[in-house]
N, C-alpha and C. Protein backbone atom coordinates (compact mmCIF):
# COMPACT_ATOMS: atom_id res chain seq x y z
N MET A 1 32.05 39.36 10.64
CA MET A 1 30.64 39.23 10.97
C MET A 1 30.37 39.99 12.26
N THR A 2 29.34 40.78 12.25
CA THR A 2 29.01 41.56 13.43
C THR A 2 28.19 40.74 14.40
N ASP A 3 28.29 41.09 15.67
CA ASP A 3 27.56 40.40 16.73
C ASP A 3 26.12 40.88 16.71
N VAL A 4 25.16 39.95 16.72
CA VAL A 4 23.75 40.31 16.66
C VAL A 4 23.17 40.59 18.05
N LEU A 5 23.94 40.31 19.09
CA LEU A 5 23.48 40.54 20.46
C LEU A 5 24.04 41.85 21.00
N THR A 6 23.29 42.45 21.91
CA THR A 6 23.79 43.65 22.58
C THR A 6 24.89 43.23 23.56
N PRO A 7 25.74 44.15 23.99
CA PRO A 7 26.78 43.79 24.96
C PRO A 7 26.22 43.14 26.23
N GLU A 8 25.06 43.59 26.70
CA GLU A 8 24.46 43.01 27.90
C GLU A 8 24.00 41.57 27.64
N GLN A 9 23.40 41.34 26.47
CA GLN A 9 22.97 39.98 26.12
C GLN A 9 24.18 39.06 25.96
N ARG A 10 25.22 39.56 25.31
CA ARG A 10 26.43 38.76 25.12
C ARG A 10 27.05 38.42 26.48
N HIS A 11 27.05 39.38 27.39
CA HIS A 11 27.60 39.17 28.73
C HIS A 11 26.83 38.06 29.45
N ARG A 12 25.49 38.09 29.39
CA ARG A 12 24.68 37.05 30.03
C ARG A 12 24.93 35.68 29.40
N CYS A 13 25.05 35.64 28.08
CA CYS A 13 25.32 34.37 27.39
C CYS A 13 26.67 33.79 27.81
N MET A 14 27.67 34.67 27.90
CA MET A 14 29.01 34.20 28.28
C MET A 14 29.04 33.73 29.73
N GLN A 15 28.29 34.39 30.61
CA GLN A 15 28.24 33.97 32.00
C GLN A 15 27.59 32.60 32.16
N ALA A 16 26.71 32.26 31.25
CA ALA A 16 26.00 30.97 31.32
C ALA A 16 26.90 29.79 30.95
N ASN A 17 28.01 30.04 30.28
CA ASN A 17 28.95 28.98 29.94
C ASN A 17 29.71 28.56 31.19
N ARG A 18 29.62 27.30 31.51
CA ARG A 18 30.25 26.82 32.73
C ARG A 18 31.62 26.23 32.43
N GLY A 19 32.50 26.33 33.40
CA GLY A 19 33.84 25.77 33.27
C GLY A 19 33.93 24.36 33.81
N ARG A 20 32.96 23.97 34.63
CA ARG A 20 32.94 22.60 35.15
C ARG A 20 31.49 22.16 35.31
N GLY A 21 31.31 20.86 35.43
CA GLY A 21 29.96 20.33 35.51
C GLY A 21 29.24 20.38 34.18
N THR A 22 29.99 20.35 33.10
CA THR A 22 29.40 20.41 31.77
C THR A 22 28.77 19.06 31.42
N THR A 23 27.98 19.04 30.39
CA THR A 23 27.31 17.81 29.97
C THR A 23 28.31 16.71 29.65
N ILE A 24 29.39 17.05 28.95
CA ILE A 24 30.35 16.00 28.59
C ILE A 24 31.07 15.46 29.83
N GLU A 25 31.31 16.31 30.82
CA GLU A 25 31.93 15.84 32.06
C GLU A 25 30.98 14.91 32.81
N ILE A 26 29.71 15.23 32.80
CA ILE A 26 28.71 14.38 33.46
C ILE A 26 28.63 13.02 32.78
N ILE A 27 28.62 13.01 31.45
CA ILE A 27 28.58 11.75 30.70
C ILE A 27 29.81 10.91 31.05
N PHE A 28 30.98 11.55 31.06
CA PHE A 28 32.24 10.85 31.35
C PHE A 28 32.22 10.32 32.79
N ALA A 29 31.78 11.13 33.74
CA ALA A 29 31.74 10.73 35.15
C ALA A 29 30.78 9.57 35.37
N GLU A 30 29.65 9.56 34.68
CA GLU A 30 28.70 8.45 34.81
C GLU A 30 29.33 7.13 34.37
N GLU A 31 30.10 7.17 33.29
CA GLU A 31 30.76 5.95 32.82
C GLU A 31 31.85 5.50 33.80
N LEU A 32 32.56 6.46 34.38
CA LEU A 32 33.56 6.11 35.40
C LEU A 32 32.89 5.46 36.61
N ARG A 33 31.78 6.00 37.04
CA ARG A 33 31.05 5.42 38.18
C ARG A 33 30.54 4.03 37.85
N ARG A 34 30.06 3.84 36.63
CA ARG A 34 29.58 2.52 36.21
C ARG A 34 30.70 1.48 36.33
N ARG A 35 31.92 1.90 36.06
CA ARG A 35 33.06 0.98 36.10
C ARG A 35 33.76 0.99 37.46
N ASN A 36 33.21 1.73 38.40
CA ASN A 36 33.76 1.82 39.76
C ASN A 36 35.19 2.37 39.77
N ILE A 37 35.43 3.38 38.94
CA ILE A 37 36.73 4.05 38.89
C ILE A 37 36.59 5.34 39.71
N HIS A 38 37.42 5.46 40.73
CA HIS A 38 37.35 6.62 41.63
C HIS A 38 38.30 7.71 41.14
N TYR A 39 37.88 8.93 41.27
CA TYR A 39 38.63 10.07 40.73
C TYR A 39 38.43 11.28 41.62
N ARG A 40 39.27 12.29 41.39
CA ARG A 40 39.06 13.61 41.98
C ARG A 40 38.58 14.53 40.87
N LYS A 41 37.70 15.42 41.21
CA LYS A 41 37.11 16.31 40.21
C LYS A 41 37.68 17.71 40.38
N ASN A 42 38.18 18.28 39.30
CA ASN A 42 38.69 19.66 39.26
C ASN A 42 39.62 19.95 40.44
N ASP A 43 40.65 19.15 40.60
CA ASP A 43 41.60 19.28 41.70
C ASP A 43 42.43 20.56 41.50
N ARG A 44 42.25 21.52 42.39
CA ARG A 44 42.95 22.82 42.26
C ARG A 44 44.44 22.72 42.55
N SER A 45 44.86 21.64 43.22
CA SER A 45 46.28 21.52 43.55
C SER A 45 47.10 21.05 42.34
N VAL A 46 46.43 20.67 41.26
CA VAL A 46 47.11 20.25 40.03
C VAL A 46 46.93 21.35 38.99
N LYS A 47 48.03 21.74 38.38
CA LYS A 47 47.98 22.84 37.40
C LYS A 47 46.98 22.52 36.29
N GLY A 48 46.14 23.48 35.98
CA GLY A 48 45.15 23.32 34.93
C GLY A 48 43.81 22.81 35.44
N LYS A 49 43.72 22.48 36.73
CA LYS A 49 42.50 21.92 37.33
C LYS A 49 41.86 20.89 36.40
N PRO A 50 42.50 19.72 36.25
CA PRO A 50 41.94 18.71 35.33
C PRO A 50 40.50 18.35 35.70
N ASP A 51 39.72 18.02 34.68
CA ASP A 51 38.34 17.64 34.92
C ASP A 51 38.27 16.38 35.79
N PHE A 52 39.19 15.45 35.55
CA PHE A 52 39.28 14.23 36.35
C PHE A 52 40.76 14.00 36.67
N CYS A 53 41.04 13.71 37.92
CA CYS A 53 42.42 13.61 38.35
C CYS A 53 42.62 12.31 39.13
N PHE A 54 43.72 11.64 38.83
CA PHE A 54 44.14 10.44 39.54
C PHE A 54 45.53 10.76 40.08
N LYS A 55 45.54 11.41 41.24
CA LYS A 55 46.75 12.03 41.76
C LYS A 55 47.85 11.01 42.08
N GLY A 56 47.49 9.89 42.67
CA GLY A 56 48.48 8.88 43.03
C GLY A 56 49.18 8.30 41.82
N LEU A 57 48.49 8.22 40.70
CA LEU A 57 49.06 7.68 39.47
C LEU A 57 49.58 8.78 38.55
N LYS A 58 49.33 10.03 38.93
CA LYS A 58 49.72 11.19 38.12
C LYS A 58 49.10 11.12 36.72
N ILE A 59 47.78 10.99 36.70
CA ILE A 59 47.03 11.02 35.44
C ILE A 59 46.04 12.17 35.52
N ALA A 60 46.07 13.05 34.52
CA ALA A 60 45.14 14.17 34.44
C ALA A 60 44.30 14.00 33.18
N VAL A 61 42.98 14.13 33.33
CA VAL A 61 42.06 13.96 32.21
C VAL A 61 41.31 15.28 31.99
N PHE A 62 41.33 15.74 30.75
CA PHE A 62 40.61 16.95 30.37
C PHE A 62 39.56 16.59 29.32
N CYS A 63 38.35 17.09 29.47
CA CYS A 63 37.28 16.92 28.49
C CYS A 63 37.11 18.27 27.80
N ASP A 64 37.58 18.37 26.57
CA ASP A 64 37.65 19.65 25.87
C ASP A 64 36.49 19.84 24.89
N GLY A 65 35.90 21.00 24.95
CA GLY A 65 34.85 21.37 24.00
C GLY A 65 35.46 21.65 22.63
N VAL A 66 34.77 21.24 21.60
CA VAL A 66 35.28 21.38 20.24
C VAL A 66 35.51 22.84 19.88
N PHE A 67 34.56 23.72 20.18
CA PHE A 67 34.70 25.13 19.82
C PHE A 67 35.72 25.82 20.72
N TRP A 68 35.56 25.69 22.04
CA TRP A 68 36.37 26.45 22.99
C TRP A 68 37.85 26.11 22.94
N HIS A 69 38.17 24.87 22.61
CA HIS A 69 39.57 24.45 22.61
C HIS A 69 40.13 24.28 21.20
N GLY A 70 39.36 24.64 20.20
CA GLY A 70 39.86 24.76 18.83
C GLY A 70 40.18 23.47 18.12
N LYS A 71 39.25 22.50 18.16
CA LYS A 71 39.49 21.27 17.40
C LYS A 71 39.55 21.60 15.91
N ASP A 72 40.51 21.02 15.22
CA ASP A 72 40.72 21.27 13.78
C ASP A 72 40.87 22.75 13.48
N TRP A 73 41.56 23.46 14.36
CA TRP A 73 41.66 24.92 14.26
C TRP A 73 42.37 25.35 12.98
N ASP A 74 43.40 24.62 12.58
CA ASP A 74 44.15 25.00 11.38
C ASP A 74 43.30 24.89 10.12
N SER A 75 42.42 23.90 10.08
CA SER A 75 41.63 23.70 8.87
C SER A 75 40.25 24.35 8.95
N ARG A 76 39.89 24.84 10.11
CA ARG A 76 38.56 25.45 10.28
C ARG A 76 38.50 26.81 9.60
N SER A 77 37.35 27.09 9.03
CA SER A 77 37.14 28.39 8.41
C SER A 77 36.90 29.42 9.50
N LYS A 78 37.75 30.43 9.55
CA LYS A 78 37.67 31.45 10.59
C LYS A 78 37.01 32.73 10.09
N GLU A 79 36.56 32.73 8.86
CA GLU A 79 36.01 33.95 8.30
C GLU A 79 34.70 34.37 8.98
N ASN A 80 34.00 33.41 9.62
CA ASN A 80 32.75 33.75 10.29
C ASN A 80 32.97 34.19 11.73
N LEU A 81 34.20 34.16 12.19
CA LEU A 81 34.49 34.54 13.57
C LEU A 81 35.09 35.93 13.64
N SER A 82 34.75 36.65 14.69
CA SER A 82 35.35 37.97 14.88
C SER A 82 36.77 37.80 15.41
N ASP A 83 37.51 38.89 15.37
CA ASP A 83 38.88 38.86 15.87
C ASP A 83 38.93 38.45 17.35
N TYR A 84 37.91 38.86 18.10
CA TYR A 84 37.86 38.50 19.52
C TYR A 84 37.87 36.98 19.69
N TRP A 85 37.00 36.28 18.94
CA TRP A 85 36.89 34.83 19.10
C TRP A 85 38.14 34.12 18.60
N ILE A 86 38.73 34.62 17.54
CA ILE A 86 39.95 34.00 17.03
C ILE A 86 41.06 34.09 18.07
N SER A 87 41.25 35.28 18.66
CA SER A 87 42.31 35.43 19.66
C SER A 87 41.98 34.64 20.93
N LYS A 88 40.70 34.59 21.31
CA LYS A 88 40.29 33.85 22.51
C LYS A 88 40.61 32.36 22.35
N ILE A 89 40.22 31.78 21.25
CA ILE A 89 40.44 30.35 21.04
C ILE A 89 41.93 30.05 20.89
N GLU A 90 42.67 30.91 20.23
CA GLU A 90 44.11 30.70 20.10
C GLU A 90 44.81 30.78 21.46
N ARG A 91 44.32 31.66 22.35
CA ARG A 91 44.85 31.70 23.72
C ARG A 91 44.54 30.41 24.47
N ASN A 92 43.32 29.89 24.28
CA ASN A 92 42.95 28.62 24.92
C ASN A 92 43.85 27.48 24.45
N ILE A 93 44.11 27.42 23.15
CA ILE A 93 44.98 26.38 22.60
C ILE A 93 46.38 26.50 23.18
N ALA A 94 46.91 27.72 23.24
CA ALA A 94 48.25 27.94 23.79
C ALA A 94 48.30 27.56 25.27
N ARG A 95 47.26 27.92 26.02
CA ARG A 95 47.23 27.58 27.45
C ARG A 95 47.16 26.07 27.64
N ASP A 96 46.36 25.37 26.83
CA ASP A 96 46.28 23.91 26.92
C ASP A 96 47.65 23.28 26.69
N LYS A 97 48.37 23.78 25.70
CA LYS A 97 49.71 23.25 25.41
C LYS A 97 50.66 23.53 26.56
N GLN A 98 50.59 24.72 27.12
CA GLN A 98 51.46 25.09 28.25
C GLN A 98 51.18 24.18 29.46
N ILE A 99 49.92 23.92 29.74
CA ILE A 99 49.55 23.04 30.86
C ILE A 99 50.04 21.62 30.59
N ASP A 100 49.84 21.13 29.36
CA ASP A 100 50.32 19.78 29.02
C ASP A 100 51.83 19.69 29.21
N ASP A 101 52.57 20.66 28.70
CA ASP A 101 54.03 20.65 28.82
C ASP A 101 54.47 20.65 30.27
N PHE A 102 53.83 21.47 31.10
CA PHE A 102 54.20 21.52 32.52
C PHE A 102 53.92 20.19 33.20
N LEU A 103 52.72 19.64 32.99
CA LEU A 103 52.38 18.37 33.64
C LEU A 103 53.29 17.25 33.16
N PHE A 104 53.60 17.20 31.86
CA PHE A 104 54.54 16.19 31.35
C PHE A 104 55.89 16.32 32.04
N SER A 105 56.35 17.54 32.22
CA SER A 105 57.66 17.75 32.85
C SER A 105 57.66 17.30 34.31
N GLN A 106 56.49 17.25 34.93
CA GLN A 106 56.37 16.81 36.32
C GLN A 106 56.06 15.31 36.43
N GLY A 107 56.08 14.61 35.29
CA GLY A 107 55.86 13.16 35.29
C GLY A 107 54.40 12.73 35.17
N TRP A 108 53.52 13.64 34.82
CA TRP A 108 52.11 13.33 34.68
C TRP A 108 51.82 12.80 33.28
N THR A 109 50.79 11.97 33.19
CA THR A 109 50.22 11.57 31.91
C THR A 109 48.96 12.41 31.72
N VAL A 110 48.86 13.06 30.56
CA VAL A 110 47.71 13.92 30.29
C VAL A 110 46.89 13.28 29.17
N LEU A 111 45.61 13.10 29.45
CA LEU A 111 44.68 12.60 28.44
C LEU A 111 43.67 13.70 28.15
N ARG A 112 43.49 14.01 26.88
CA ARG A 112 42.50 15.00 26.47
C ARG A 112 41.51 14.32 25.53
N PHE A 113 40.24 14.44 25.87
CA PHE A 113 39.18 13.86 25.05
C PHE A 113 38.31 14.99 24.52
N TRP A 114 38.03 14.91 23.21
CA TRP A 114 37.18 15.92 22.59
C TRP A 114 35.72 15.64 22.91
N GLU A 115 34.97 16.72 22.98
CA GLU A 115 33.54 16.66 23.28
C GLU A 115 32.81 15.70 22.34
N ASP A 116 33.07 15.78 21.04
CA ASP A 116 32.35 14.93 20.09
C ASP A 116 32.71 13.46 20.26
N ALA A 117 33.95 13.16 20.67
CA ALA A 117 34.34 11.76 20.91
C ALA A 117 33.62 11.21 22.13
N ILE A 118 33.47 12.02 23.16
CA ILE A 118 32.77 11.59 24.38
C ILE A 118 31.29 11.37 24.07
N ARG A 119 30.69 12.28 23.33
CA ARG A 119 29.27 12.14 23.00
C ARG A 119 29.02 10.93 22.10
N LYS A 120 29.94 10.69 21.18
CA LYS A 120 29.76 9.59 20.22
C LYS A 120 29.98 8.24 20.87
N ASP A 121 31.06 8.09 21.65
CA ASP A 121 31.39 6.79 22.24
C ASP A 121 32.21 6.97 23.51
N VAL A 122 31.54 7.26 24.60
CA VAL A 122 32.22 7.49 25.88
C VAL A 122 32.96 6.24 26.35
N LYS A 123 32.44 5.06 26.00
CA LYS A 123 33.07 3.82 26.46
C LYS A 123 34.49 3.67 25.91
N THR A 124 34.69 4.05 24.65
CA THR A 124 36.03 3.98 24.07
C THR A 124 36.98 4.94 24.77
N CYS A 125 36.50 6.12 25.13
CA CYS A 125 37.33 7.09 25.84
C CYS A 125 37.73 6.55 27.21
N VAL A 126 36.78 5.99 27.94
CA VAL A 126 37.08 5.46 29.27
C VAL A 126 37.94 4.20 29.16
N ASP A 127 37.79 3.44 28.08
CA ASP A 127 38.68 2.29 27.85
C ASP A 127 40.14 2.75 27.78
N ALA A 128 40.37 3.85 27.06
CA ALA A 128 41.72 4.40 26.94
C ALA A 128 42.25 4.82 28.31
N LEU A 129 41.40 5.43 29.11
CA LEU A 129 41.79 5.81 30.47
C LEU A 129 42.10 4.58 31.31
N GLU A 130 41.28 3.55 31.20
CA GLU A 130 41.52 2.32 31.97
C GLU A 130 42.85 1.68 31.60
N ARG A 131 43.18 1.67 30.31
CA ARG A 131 44.49 1.13 29.89
C ARG A 131 45.62 1.93 30.51
N CYS A 132 45.47 3.24 30.54
CA CYS A 132 46.48 4.11 31.14
C CYS A 132 46.62 3.83 32.64
N ILE A 133 45.49 3.67 33.33
CA ILE A 133 45.51 3.38 34.76
C ILE A 133 46.20 2.03 35.00
N ALA A 134 45.86 1.03 34.20
CA ALA A 134 46.47 -0.30 34.36
C ALA A 134 47.98 -0.24 34.13
N GLU A 135 48.40 0.51 33.10
CA GLU A 135 49.83 0.64 32.80
C GLU A 135 50.57 1.33 33.95
N LYS A 136 49.99 2.43 34.44
CA LYS A 136 50.63 3.17 35.54
C LYS A 136 50.67 2.32 36.81
N THR A 137 49.61 1.55 37.08
CA THR A 137 49.58 0.71 38.26
C THR A 137 50.65 -0.37 38.17
N THR A 138 50.82 -0.97 36.99
CA THR A 138 51.84 -1.99 36.78
C THR A 138 53.23 -1.40 36.98
N GLN A 139 53.47 -0.20 36.46
CA GLN A 139 54.77 0.45 36.64
C GLN A 139 55.04 0.70 38.12
N ARG A 140 54.02 1.10 38.84
CA ARG A 140 54.18 1.39 40.26
C ARG A 140 54.51 0.12 41.03
N ILE A 141 53.87 -0.99 40.69
CA ILE A 141 54.16 -2.26 41.36
C ILE A 141 55.57 -2.70 41.05
N ARG A 142 55.99 -2.60 39.80
CA ARG A 142 57.37 -2.98 39.43
C ARG A 142 58.38 -2.14 40.20
N ARG A 143 58.13 -0.87 40.33
CA ARG A 143 59.03 0.01 41.05
C ARG A 143 59.12 -0.39 42.52
N THR A 144 58.00 -0.79 43.10
CA THR A 144 57.98 -1.22 44.49
C THR A 144 58.79 -2.49 44.67
N TYR A 145 58.63 -3.44 43.77
CA TYR A 145 59.40 -4.68 43.88
C TYR A 145 60.89 -4.40 43.72
N ALA A 146 61.25 -3.54 42.79
CA ALA A 146 62.66 -3.22 42.60
C ALA A 146 63.23 -2.60 43.87
N TYR A 147 62.47 -1.77 44.53
CA TYR A 147 62.91 -1.14 45.76
C TYR A 147 63.10 -2.19 46.85
N ASP A 148 62.14 -3.11 47.01
CA ASP A 148 62.23 -4.15 48.03
C ASP A 148 63.44 -5.04 47.81
N ASN A 149 63.70 -5.44 46.58
CA ASN A 149 64.82 -6.33 46.29
C ASN A 149 66.16 -5.65 46.50
N GLN A 150 66.20 -4.35 46.37
CA GLN A 150 67.44 -3.61 46.48
C GLN A 150 68.07 -3.78 47.86
N TYR A 151 67.26 -3.90 48.89
CA TYR A 151 67.77 -3.94 50.26
C TYR A 151 67.66 -5.32 50.89
N GLU A 152 67.48 -6.34 50.08
CA GLU A 152 67.28 -7.69 50.59
C GLU A 152 68.42 -8.17 51.48
N SER A 153 69.67 -7.93 51.08
CA SER A 153 70.81 -8.46 51.82
C SER A 153 71.33 -7.47 52.86
N GLN A 154 70.73 -6.32 52.98
CA GLN A 154 71.22 -5.33 53.91
C GLN A 154 70.41 -5.34 55.19
N LEU A 155 71.04 -4.90 56.28
CA LEU A 155 70.34 -4.78 57.54
C LEU A 155 69.37 -3.61 57.47
N MET A 156 68.29 -3.74 58.18
CA MET A 156 67.33 -2.65 58.24
C MET A 156 67.27 -2.15 59.68
N ALA A 157 66.70 -1.04 59.91
CA ALA A 157 66.50 -0.45 61.23
C ALA A 157 67.81 -0.06 61.90
N ALA A 158 68.86 0.11 61.15
CA ALA A 158 70.15 0.61 61.65
C ALA A 158 70.64 -0.14 62.89
N GLU A 159 70.62 -1.46 62.81
CA GLU A 159 71.08 -2.28 63.93
C GLU A 159 72.43 -2.89 63.59
N VAL A 160 73.21 -3.12 64.62
CA VAL A 160 74.53 -3.71 64.45
C VAL A 160 74.37 -5.18 64.14
N GLU A 161 75.21 -5.69 63.24
CA GLU A 161 75.12 -7.07 62.81
C GLU A 161 75.29 -8.05 63.95
N SER A 162 76.07 -7.72 64.96
CA SER A 162 76.35 -8.67 66.04
C SER A 162 75.08 -9.04 66.80
N TYR A 163 74.08 -8.20 66.81
CA TYR A 163 72.83 -8.53 67.49
C TYR A 163 72.17 -9.74 66.86
N TYR A 164 72.40 -9.95 65.60
CA TYR A 164 71.76 -11.05 64.91
C TYR A 164 72.61 -12.33 64.97
N ASN A 165 73.83 -12.23 65.38
CA ASN A 165 74.72 -13.39 65.43
C ASN A 165 74.85 -13.94 66.84
N LEU A 166 73.79 -14.02 67.56
CA LEU A 166 73.83 -14.54 68.91
C LEU A 166 74.00 -16.05 68.85
N THR A 167 74.85 -16.56 69.67
CA THR A 167 75.04 -18.02 69.73
C THR A 167 74.40 -18.52 71.01
N GLU A 168 73.88 -19.72 70.93
CA GLU A 168 73.25 -20.29 72.11
C GLU A 168 74.32 -20.69 73.11
N SER A 169 74.12 -20.47 74.40
CA SER A 169 75.11 -20.84 75.38
C SER A 169 74.68 -22.06 76.16
């Protein structure tokens, strides 16, 4: 299928597509604020610049557009798309997988929500995120307790034991 727009018109249309601050991100952020869940937005220090980041818990949330990130790509009819769009979307899918693999290898939990799922029922999406936050918080508390118990019988602050064995005279 040939493009009905001139190269200049296509260029303007493509420039209008935003990478952040999209409608689905705004919908998701509003629900997070309603539930008083604090987040970082598009944190550049995390690979892939997740749409929502919970750095202390190592949770990265991406809100993916159905077209741009290739939802149901294997079953979708590609005959209406030019070679440019097919290769573009396949590169996006490959990059998403590469980012997921890297973050997983660094101990991160990656949540990806599709645009249509957010538009249909944002509360269910945020419920899934809340469960993940609760699970990670519980793991962190357990790890802290295990660390505290590990040194219960040992001296701290590198002091000699005799200092503690003072006898009254």
